[in-house]
Amino acid sequence: MQNGRRRFSFFDFRMLTIRRPSSVVRLPIPTFRNSSTGQAMVEYVIIAGLLMACLGILTVFLVTFKEYGGRILALVSSEYP
């Protein structure tokens, strides 16, 4: 601790107590925090990625169908005997 504030960490350390006949040993064990500090940001990034992927797919479809429509118009307007 510095200045009475706790530094941010992804881990909390809980103490494991091992009792022996002659002594007691306390070992720090890292555990994940139960806070949702970065969870909302990760969810927003995932949703933004999915929206960008959908936009990309729709753009490809739009370009493809415009080309196909242009080919059909060219075929209909051509003068076949």
N, C-alpha and C. Protein backbone atom coordinates (compact mmCIF):
# COMPACT_ATOMS: atom_id res chain seq x y z
N MET A 1 0.84 -1.19 0.00
CA MET A 1 0.00 0.00 0.00
C MET A 1 0.87 1.24 0.00
N GLN A 2 0.45 2.21 -0.77
CA GLN A 2 1.15 3.48 -0.80
C GLN A 2 0.15 4.58 -0.48
N ASN A 3 0.48 5.40 0.47
CA ASN A 3 -0.38 6.52 0.88
C ASN A 3 -1.78 6.06 1.27
N GLY A 4 -1.89 4.87 1.81
CA GLY A 4 -3.19 4.40 2.27
C GLY A 4 -4.09 3.89 1.16
N ARG A 5 -3.63 3.92 -0.10
CA ARG A 5 -4.45 3.42 -1.20
C ARG A 5 -3.90 2.10 -1.69
N ARG A 6 -4.78 1.28 -2.16
CA ARG A 6 -4.39 -0.02 -2.66
C ARG A 6 -4.13 0.07 -4.15
N ARG A 7 -3.06 -0.49 -4.63
CA ARG A 7 -2.75 -0.49 -6.05
C ARG A 7 -3.67 -1.46 -6.76
N PHE A 8 -4.04 -1.11 -8.01
CA PHE A 8 -4.94 -1.96 -8.78
C PHE A 8 -4.20 -3.18 -9.27
N SER A 9 -4.84 -4.30 -9.17
CA SER A 9 -4.27 -5.55 -9.65
C SER A 9 -5.41 -6.45 -10.09
N PHE A 10 -5.12 -7.32 -11.04
CA PHE A 10 -6.13 -8.28 -11.46
C PHE A 10 -6.25 -9.42 -10.46
N PHE A 11 -5.30 -9.51 -9.55
CA PHE A 11 -5.30 -10.57 -8.57
C PHE A 11 -5.52 -10.02 -7.18
N ASP A 12 -6.20 -10.77 -6.38
CA ASP A 12 -6.23 -10.55 -4.94
C ASP A 12 -5.42 -11.68 -4.33
N PHE A 13 -4.82 -11.41 -3.22
CA PHE A 13 -4.06 -12.45 -2.56
C PHE A 13 -4.76 -12.83 -1.28
N ARG A 14 -5.21 -14.07 -1.21
CA ARG A 14 -5.76 -14.54 0.05
C ARG A 14 -4.69 -15.40 0.70
N MET A 15 -4.77 -15.49 1.97
CA MET A 15 -3.73 -16.19 2.71
C MET A 15 -4.16 -17.62 2.99
N LEU A 16 -3.30 -18.56 2.65
CA LEU A 16 -3.53 -19.96 2.95
C LEU A 16 -2.76 -20.27 4.23
N THR A 17 -3.46 -20.76 5.21
CA THR A 17 -2.82 -21.05 6.50
C THR A 17 -2.60 -22.55 6.60
N ILE A 18 -1.37 -22.93 6.80
CA ILE A 18 -1.02 -24.34 7.00
C ILE A 18 -0.54 -24.47 8.44
N ARG A 19 -1.22 -25.30 9.17
CA ARG A 19 -0.85 -25.49 10.57
C ARG A 19 -0.04 -26.77 10.71
N ARG A 20 1.13 -26.60 11.24
CA ARG A 20 1.99 -27.74 11.54
C ARG A 20 2.07 -27.88 13.05
N PRO A 21 2.49 -29.02 13.48
CA PRO A 21 2.58 -29.18 14.95
C PRO A 21 3.53 -28.18 15.60
N SER A 22 4.56 -27.77 14.87
CA SER A 22 5.54 -26.88 15.49
C SER A 22 5.34 -25.41 15.11
N SER A 23 4.66 -25.13 13.98
CA SER A 23 4.53 -23.74 13.54
C SER A 23 3.31 -23.58 12.64
N VAL A 24 3.04 -22.32 12.33
CA VAL A 24 1.95 -21.97 11.42
C VAL A 24 2.56 -21.25 10.23
N VAL A 25 2.26 -21.72 9.02
CA VAL A 25 2.80 -21.11 7.81
C VAL A 25 1.65 -20.45 7.06
N ARG A 26 1.83 -19.18 6.69
CA ARG A 26 0.82 -18.47 5.91
C ARG A 26 1.40 -18.16 4.55
N LEU A 27 0.74 -18.65 3.48
CA LEU A 27 1.21 -18.46 2.12
C LEU A 27 0.21 -17.62 1.34
N PRO A 28 0.68 -16.61 0.60
CA PRO A 28 -0.25 -15.84 -0.25
C PRO A 28 -0.58 -16.61 -1.53
N ILE A 29 -1.85 -16.70 -1.86
CA ILE A 29 -2.30 -17.39 -3.07
C ILE A 29 -3.04 -16.37 -3.93
N PRO A 30 -2.60 -16.19 -5.19
CA PRO A 30 -3.30 -15.22 -6.05
C PRO A 30 -4.66 -15.75 -6.49
N THR A 31 -5.66 -14.92 -6.40
CA THR A 31 -7.01 -15.26 -6.89
C THR A 31 -7.50 -14.10 -7.72
N PHE A 32 -8.36 -14.39 -8.70
CA PHE A 32 -8.92 -13.33 -9.53
C PHE A 32 -9.92 -12.52 -8.74
N ARG A 33 -9.96 -11.22 -9.02
CA ARG A 33 -10.94 -10.37 -8.37
C ARG A 33 -12.33 -10.65 -8.92
N ASN A 34 -13.33 -10.35 -8.15
CA ASN A 34 -14.71 -10.54 -8.58
C ASN A 34 -15.33 -9.25 -9.08
N SER A 35 -14.51 -8.28 -9.45
CA SER A 35 -15.05 -7.03 -9.95
C SER A 35 -15.20 -7.10 -11.46
N SER A 36 -16.06 -6.28 -12.01
CA SER A 36 -16.30 -6.26 -13.46
C SER A 36 -15.67 -5.02 -14.06
N THR A 37 -14.43 -4.75 -13.73
CA THR A 37 -13.77 -3.52 -14.16
C THR A 37 -13.65 -3.44 -15.68
N GLY A 38 -13.19 -4.49 -16.33
CA GLY A 38 -12.99 -4.44 -17.77
C GLY A 38 -14.05 -5.17 -18.55
N GLN A 39 -15.03 -5.75 -17.89
CA GLN A 39 -16.02 -6.57 -18.57
C GLN A 39 -16.87 -5.74 -19.52
N ALA A 40 -17.32 -4.59 -19.10
CA ALA A 40 -18.17 -3.76 -19.95
C ALA A 40 -17.41 -3.30 -21.19
N MET A 41 -16.14 -2.93 -21.03
CA MET A 41 -15.34 -2.51 -22.17
C MET A 41 -15.16 -3.66 -23.16
N VAL A 42 -14.91 -4.84 -22.67
CA VAL A 42 -14.75 -6.01 -23.54
C VAL A 42 -16.04 -6.29 -24.30
N GLU A 43 -17.17 -6.17 -23.61
CA GLU A 43 -18.46 -6.39 -24.28
C GLU A 43 -18.70 -5.35 -25.38
N TYR A 44 -18.38 -4.09 -25.11
CA TYR A 44 -18.53 -3.05 -26.13
C TYR A 44 -17.62 -3.30 -27.33
N VAL A 45 -16.40 -3.74 -27.08
CA VAL A 45 -15.47 -4.03 -28.18
C VAL A 45 -15.97 -5.19 -29.02
N ILE A 46 -16.52 -6.21 -28.38
CA ILE A 46 -17.06 -7.36 -29.12
C ILE A 46 -18.23 -6.93 -29.98
N ILE A 47 -19.14 -6.14 -29.42
CA ILE A 47 -20.31 -5.68 -30.18
C ILE A 47 -19.86 -4.78 -31.34
N ALA A 48 -18.89 -3.90 -31.10
CA ALA A 48 -18.39 -3.04 -32.18
C ALA A 48 -17.76 -3.88 -33.29
N GLY A 49 -17.03 -4.92 -32.92
CA GLY A 49 -16.45 -5.82 -33.92
C GLY A 49 -17.50 -6.54 -34.73
N LEU A 50 -18.55 -7.00 -34.05
CA LEU A 50 -19.64 -7.69 -34.77
C LEU A 50 -20.36 -6.73 -35.71
N LEU A 51 -20.57 -5.49 -35.28
CA LEU A 51 -21.22 -4.51 -36.15
C LEU A 51 -20.36 -4.19 -37.37
N MET A 52 -19.06 -4.08 -37.18
CA MET A 52 -18.15 -3.82 -38.31
C MET A 52 -18.14 -5.00 -39.27
N ALA A 53 -18.19 -6.23 -38.76
CA ALA A 53 -18.22 -7.41 -39.61
C ALA A 53 -19.51 -7.45 -40.43
N CYS A 54 -20.63 -7.14 -39.78
CA CYS A 54 -21.92 -7.10 -40.49
C CYS A 54 -21.90 -6.01 -41.56
N LEU A 55 -21.35 -4.87 -41.25
CA LEU A 55 -21.25 -3.79 -42.22
C LEU A 55 -20.39 -4.20 -43.42
N GLY A 56 -19.30 -4.88 -43.16
CA GLY A 56 -18.45 -5.37 -44.24
C GLY A 56 -19.16 -6.37 -45.13
N ILE A 57 -19.88 -7.30 -44.52
CA ILE A 57 -20.61 -8.31 -45.30
C ILE A 57 -21.70 -7.64 -46.14
N LEU A 58 -22.42 -6.70 -45.55
CA LEU A 58 -23.47 -6.01 -46.30
C LEU A 58 -22.89 -5.18 -47.43
N THR A 59 -21.72 -4.60 -47.24
CA THR A 59 -21.06 -3.85 -48.32
C THR A 59 -20.69 -4.77 -49.48
N VAL A 60 -20.17 -5.95 -49.17
CA VAL A 60 -19.84 -6.92 -50.21
C VAL A 60 -21.09 -7.33 -50.97
N PHE A 61 -22.17 -7.59 -50.26
CA PHE A 61 -23.44 -7.94 -50.92
C PHE A 61 -23.93 -6.81 -51.82
N LEU A 62 -23.85 -5.57 -51.35
CA LEU A 62 -24.32 -4.43 -52.14
C LEU A 62 -23.53 -4.31 -53.44
N VAL A 63 -22.21 -4.40 -53.34
CA VAL A 63 -21.37 -4.29 -54.54
C VAL A 63 -21.66 -5.44 -55.50
N THR A 64 -21.80 -6.64 -54.97
CA THR A 64 -22.06 -7.81 -55.82
C THR A 64 -23.40 -7.67 -56.54
N PHE A 65 -24.43 -7.29 -55.83
CA PHE A 65 -25.76 -7.17 -56.45
C PHE A 65 -25.82 -6.00 -57.43
N LYS A 66 -25.07 -4.94 -57.18
CA LYS A 66 -25.03 -3.83 -58.15
C LYS A 66 -24.37 -4.30 -59.45
N GLU A 67 -23.30 -5.04 -59.35
CA GLU A 67 -22.65 -5.56 -60.55
C GLU A 67 -23.57 -6.52 -61.30
N TYR A 68 -24.23 -7.38 -60.57
CA TYR A 68 -25.14 -8.34 -61.20
C TYR A 68 -26.30 -7.61 -61.88
N GLY A 69 -26.83 -6.58 -61.21
CA GLY A 69 -27.90 -5.78 -61.80
C GLY A 69 -27.44 -5.07 -63.06
N GLY A 70 -26.21 -4.55 -63.06
CA GLY A 70 -25.66 -3.91 -64.25
C GLY A 70 -25.52 -4.89 -65.41
N ARG A 71 -25.12 -6.12 -65.12
CA ARG A 71 -25.02 -7.14 -66.17
C ARG A 71 -26.38 -7.47 -66.75
N ILE A 72 -27.38 -7.57 -65.89
CA ILE A 72 -28.73 -7.88 -66.39
C ILE A 72 -29.25 -6.73 -67.24
N LEU A 73 -29.04 -5.48 -66.82
CA LEU A 73 -29.47 -4.33 -67.63
C LEU A 73 -28.75 -4.30 -68.97
N ALA A 74 -27.48 -4.61 -68.98
CA ALA A 74 -26.73 -4.65 -70.24
C ALA A 74 -27.27 -5.75 -71.14
N LEU A 75 -27.62 -6.86 -70.57
CA LEU A 75 -28.14 -7.99 -71.36
C LEU A 75 -29.51 -7.66 -71.93
N VAL A 76 -30.36 -7.02 -71.12
CA VAL A 76 -31.72 -6.68 -71.58
C VAL A 76 -31.65 -5.60 -72.64
N SER A 77 -30.74 -4.66 -72.51
CA SER A 77 -30.67 -3.55 -73.47
C SER A 77 -29.91 -3.90 -74.75
N SER A 78 -29.27 -5.06 -74.78
CA SER A 78 -28.54 -5.42 -75.99
C SER A 78 -29.51 -5.84 -77.09
N GLU A 79 -29.05 -5.76 -78.31
CA GLU A 79 -29.91 -6.07 -79.45
C GLU A 79 -29.53 -7.44 -79.99
N TYR A 80 -30.21 -8.43 -79.49
CA TYR A 80 -30.04 -9.77 -80.02
C TYR A 80 -31.06 -9.97 -81.13
N PRO A 81 -30.66 -10.69 -82.19
CA PRO A 81 -31.63 -10.92 -83.28
C PRO A 81 -32.72 -11.88 -82.90
